[in-house]
Structure formats: structure tokens, C-alpha cells
Amino acid sequence: MATNGVRALEALAEPTRRAIFEALPHAPRSVGELAELVGVSSSAVSQHLKVLRAARLVMVRPEGTRRVYTLDPRGLGDARDYLEQFWPSALAAYAAALSEARAEH
């Protein structure tokens, strides 16, 4: 079973979803605004936003007759937590490679 950190990374692996996600730190945006920025249909943006919401990467709030999307920090936290589990072994491997390189010189 995939953790939400994995779901967040999988959601961002798709280039159009990543472009939508990357457009949101600058300002909250509607589906229409995102469609114009990314260059796909509003329907396609809505489908991508559904995946991003499921991964807790974006949130939606009503604003008059529009629905406005913003980043959801929970999904980024989940992705960070997932990746952080690999840092101890990655740092240990880096230290071992440094030691080996020094020993050769």
C-alpha cells in the first residue's frame, strides 16, 4: 500500500500535473487560469487537480462562483517525510565514498 508521500511523488511525476502544481505558489488560481497557463483544456486541468487533491498537494476553496486552488502543505510534508527515511543511508554511502577516495590518494 502506497503512503501519501509516494502518492504525492507519483502525482508530480506527470509533467502537466507538475506544471499545474508549480503555477500555484505564485497565487491562488481557478481552473480556467490554470488551463490558460498550462495550455490544456479546463476539463484536463480538472482531472489533474483531482489527482493532486487526492495526494493532498492542492486545496480548493469557493470564491464567489469560482473554485480557487492553492497549495496544500500536507502533501509536501508527506513527500518530505517519505524521502527523509533514505537520508541516513545516502549520507553513509557518501561518507564511505569520500573515505575511499581519500584513501586512494
C-alpha atoms as a PDB file:
ATOM      1  CA  MET A   1       0.000   0.000   0.000  1.00  0.00           C
ATOM      2  CA  ALA A   2       1.435   3.357  -1.055  1.00  0.00           C
ATOM      3  CA  THR A   3       1.909   6.038   1.555  1.00  0.00           C
ATOM      4  CA  ASN A   4       0.682   9.529   0.841  1.00  0.00           C
ATOM      5  CA  GLY A   5       4.305  10.578   0.339  1.00  0.00           C
ATOM      6  CA  VAL A   6       4.549   8.091  -2.513  1.00  0.00           C
ATOM      7  CA  ARG A   7       1.205   9.276  -3.921  1.00  0.00           C
ATOM      8  CA  ALA A   8       2.477  12.856  -3.874  1.00  0.00           C
ATOM      9  CA  LEU A   9       5.632  11.919  -5.772  1.00  0.00           C
ATOM     10  CA  GLU A  10       3.649   9.847  -8.265  1.00  0.00           C
ATOM     11  CA  ALA A  11       1.249  12.749  -8.837  1.00  0.00           C
ATOM     12  CA  LEU A  12       4.131  15.136  -9.515  1.00  0.00           C
ATOM     13  CA  ALA A  13       5.823  12.701 -11.909  1.00  0.00           C
ATOM     14  CA  GLU A  14       3.319  13.628 -14.642  1.00  0.00           C
ATOM     15  CA  PRO A  15       4.564  16.790 -16.432  1.00  0.00           C
ATOM     16  CA  THR A  16       1.194  18.554 -16.808  1.00  0.00           C
ATOM     17  CA  ARG A  17       0.298  17.954 -13.151  1.00  0.00           C
ATOM     18  CA  ARG A  18       3.720  19.217 -12.129  1.00  0.00           C
ATOM     19  CA  ALA A  19       3.220  22.371 -14.248  1.00  0.00           C
ATOM     20  CA  ILE A  20      -0.152  22.975 -12.577  1.00  0.00           C
ATOM     21  CA  PHE A  21       1.405  22.433  -9.150  1.00  0.00           C
ATOM     22  CA  GLU A  22       4.309  24.758  -9.971  1.00  0.00           C
ATOM     23  CA  ALA A  23       1.888  27.518 -11.016  1.00  0.00           C
ATOM     24  CA  LEU A  24       0.222  27.642  -7.606  1.00  0.00           C
ATOM     25  CA  PRO A  25       2.923  29.017  -5.268  1.00  0.00           C
ATOM     26  CA  HIS A  26       2.690  32.354  -7.075  1.00  0.00           C
ATOM     27  CA  ALA A  27      -1.022  32.889  -6.474  1.00  0.00           C
ATOM     28  CA  PRO A  28      -4.282  31.005  -5.914  1.00  0.00           C
ATOM     29  CA  ARG A  29      -5.773  30.169  -9.306  1.00  0.00           C
ATOM     30  CA  SER A  30      -9.013  28.966 -10.857  1.00  0.00           C
ATOM     31  CA  VAL A  31      -9.284  26.046 -13.262  1.00  0.00           C
ATOM     32  CA  GLY A  32      -9.595  28.473 -16.183  1.00  0.00           C
ATOM     33  CA  GLU A  33      -6.483  30.388 -15.163  1.00  0.00           C
ATOM     34  CA  LEU A  34      -4.527  27.159 -14.768  1.00  0.00           C
ATOM     35  CA  ALA A  35      -5.745  25.894 -18.150  1.00  0.00           C
ATOM     36  CA  GLU A  36      -4.543  29.086 -19.807  1.00  0.00           C
ATOM     37  CA  LEU A  37      -1.173  28.984 -18.043  1.00  0.00           C
ATOM     38  CA  VAL A  38      -0.504  25.316 -18.756  1.00  0.00           C
ATOM     39  CA  GLY A  39      -2.025  25.223 -22.221  1.00  0.00           C
ATOM     40  CA  VAL A  40      -4.533  22.392 -21.795  1.00  0.00           C
ATOM     41  CA  SER A  41      -8.328  22.298 -21.580  1.00  0.00           C
ATOM     42  CA  SER A  42     -10.205  23.164 -18.399  1.00  0.00           C
ATOM     43  CA  SER A  43     -11.507  19.603 -18.363  1.00  0.00           C
ATOM     44  CA  ALA A  44      -7.949  18.224 -18.416  1.00  0.00           C
ATOM     45  CA  VAL A  45      -6.901  20.606 -15.637  1.00  0.00           C
ATOM     46  CA  SER A  46      -9.860  19.466 -13.541  1.00  0.00           C
ATOM     47  CA  GLN A  47      -8.794  15.834 -13.922  1.00  0.00           C
ATOM     48  CA  HIS A  48      -5.211  16.670 -12.942  1.00  0.00           C
ATOM     49  CA  LEU A  49      -6.420  18.708  -9.959  1.00  0.00           C
ATOM     50  CA  LYS A  50      -8.439  15.700  -8.806  1.00  0.00           C
ATOM     51  CA  VAL A  51      -5.227  13.642  -8.637  1.00  0.00           C
ATOM     52  CA  LEU A  52      -3.337  16.481  -6.930  1.00  0.00           C
ATOM     53  CA  ARG A  53      -6.117  16.834  -4.349  1.00  0.00           C
ATOM     54  CA  ALA A  54      -6.098  13.084  -3.652  1.00  0.00           C
ATOM     55  CA  ALA A  55      -2.356  13.356  -2.975  1.00  0.00           C
ATOM     56  CA  ARG A  56      -3.029  16.359  -0.681  1.00  0.00           C
ATOM     57  CA  LEU A  57      -0.899  18.623  -2.864  1.00  0.00           C
ATOM     58  CA  VAL A  58      -3.618  21.196  -3.584  1.00  0.00           C
ATOM     59  CA  MET A  59      -6.675  22.510  -1.744  1.00  0.00           C
ATOM     60  CA  VAL A  60      -9.771  24.147  -3.142  1.00  0.00           C
ATOM     61  CA  ARG A  61     -11.989  26.864  -1.724  1.00  0.00           C
ATOM     62  CA  PRO A  62     -15.061  28.502  -3.145  1.00  0.00           C
ATOM     63  CA  GLU A  63     -14.661  32.153  -4.068  1.00  0.00           C
ATOM     64  CA  GLY A  64     -17.941  33.520  -5.365  1.00  0.00           C
ATOM     65  CA  THR A  65     -18.906  31.368  -8.335  1.00  0.00           C
ATOM     66  CA  ARG A  66     -15.356  30.062  -8.837  1.00  0.00           C
ATOM     67  CA  ARG A  67     -13.339  27.377  -7.148  1.00  0.00           C
ATOM     68  CA  VAL A  68      -9.823  28.566  -6.377  1.00  0.00           C
ATOM     69  CA  TYR A  69      -6.887  26.211  -5.887  1.00  0.00           C
ATOM     70  CA  THR A  70      -3.863  26.713  -3.644  1.00  0.00           C
ATOM     71  CA  LEU A  71      -1.007  24.507  -2.500  1.00  0.00           C
ATOM     72  CA  ASP A  72      -1.675  22.153   0.395  1.00  0.00           C
ATOM     73  CA  PRO A  73       1.424  21.883   2.609  1.00  0.00           C
ATOM     74  CA  ARG A  74       0.343  18.470   3.930  1.00  0.00           C
ATOM     75  CA  GLY A  75       1.239  16.655   0.706  1.00  0.00           C
ATOM     76  CA  LEU A  76       4.660  18.266   0.525  1.00  0.00           C
ATOM     77  CA  GLY A  77       5.248  17.288   4.137  1.00  0.00           C
ATOM     78  CA  ASP A  78       4.246  13.719   3.329  1.00  0.00           C
ATOM     79  CA  ALA A  79       6.682  13.616   0.382  1.00  0.00           C
ATOM     80  CA  ARG A  80       9.462  15.104   2.505  1.00  0.00           C
ATOM     81  CA  ASP A  81       8.836  12.591   5.286  1.00  0.00           C
ATOM     82  CA  TYR A  82       8.946   9.738   2.784  1.00  0.00           C
ATOM     83  CA  LEU A  83      12.243  10.924   1.250  1.00  0.00           C
ATOM     84  CA  GLU A  84      13.872  11.670   4.613  1.00  0.00           C
ATOM     85  CA  GLN A  85      13.863   7.996   5.514  1.00  0.00           C
ATOM     86  CA  PHE A  86      16.556   7.491   2.848  1.00  0.00           C
ATOM     87  CA  TRP A  87      18.928  10.241   4.035  1.00  0.00           C
ATOM     88  CA  PRO A  88      20.828   8.228   6.683  1.00  0.00           C
ATOM     89  CA  SER A  89      21.843   5.525   4.213  1.00  0.00           C
ATOM     90  CA  ALA A  90      22.548   8.083   1.460  1.00  0.00           C
ATOM     91  CA  LEU A  91      24.779  10.111   3.790  1.00  0.00           C
ATOM     92  CA  ALA A  92      26.546   6.956   4.998  1.00  0.00           C
ATOM     93  CA  ALA A  93      27.224   5.929   1.389  1.00  0.00           C
ATOM     94  CA  TYR A  94      28.542   9.422   0.628  1.00  0.00           C
ATOM     95  CA  ALA A  95      30.848   9.334   3.666  1.00  0.00           C
ATOM     96  CA  ALA A  96      32.117   5.881   2.648  1.00  0.00           C
ATOM     97  CA  ALA A  97      32.801   7.082  -0.914  1.00  0.00           C
ATOM     98  CA  LEU A  98      34.692  10.118   0.439  1.00  0.00           C
ATOM     99  CA  SER A  99      36.777   7.935   2.726  1.00  0.00           C
ATOM    100  CA  GLU A 100      37.544   5.568  -0.131  1.00  0.00           C
ATOM    101  CA  ALA A 101      38.534   8.440  -2.432  1.00  0.00           C
ATOM    102  CA  ARG A 102      40.847   9.891   0.235  1.00  0.00           C
ATOM    103  CA  ALA A 103      42.439   6.501   0.848  1.00  0.00           C
ATOM    104  CA  GLU A 104      43.237   6.161  -2.866  1.00  0.00           C
ATOM    105  CA  HIS A 105      45.122   9.489  -2.930  1.00  0.00           C
END
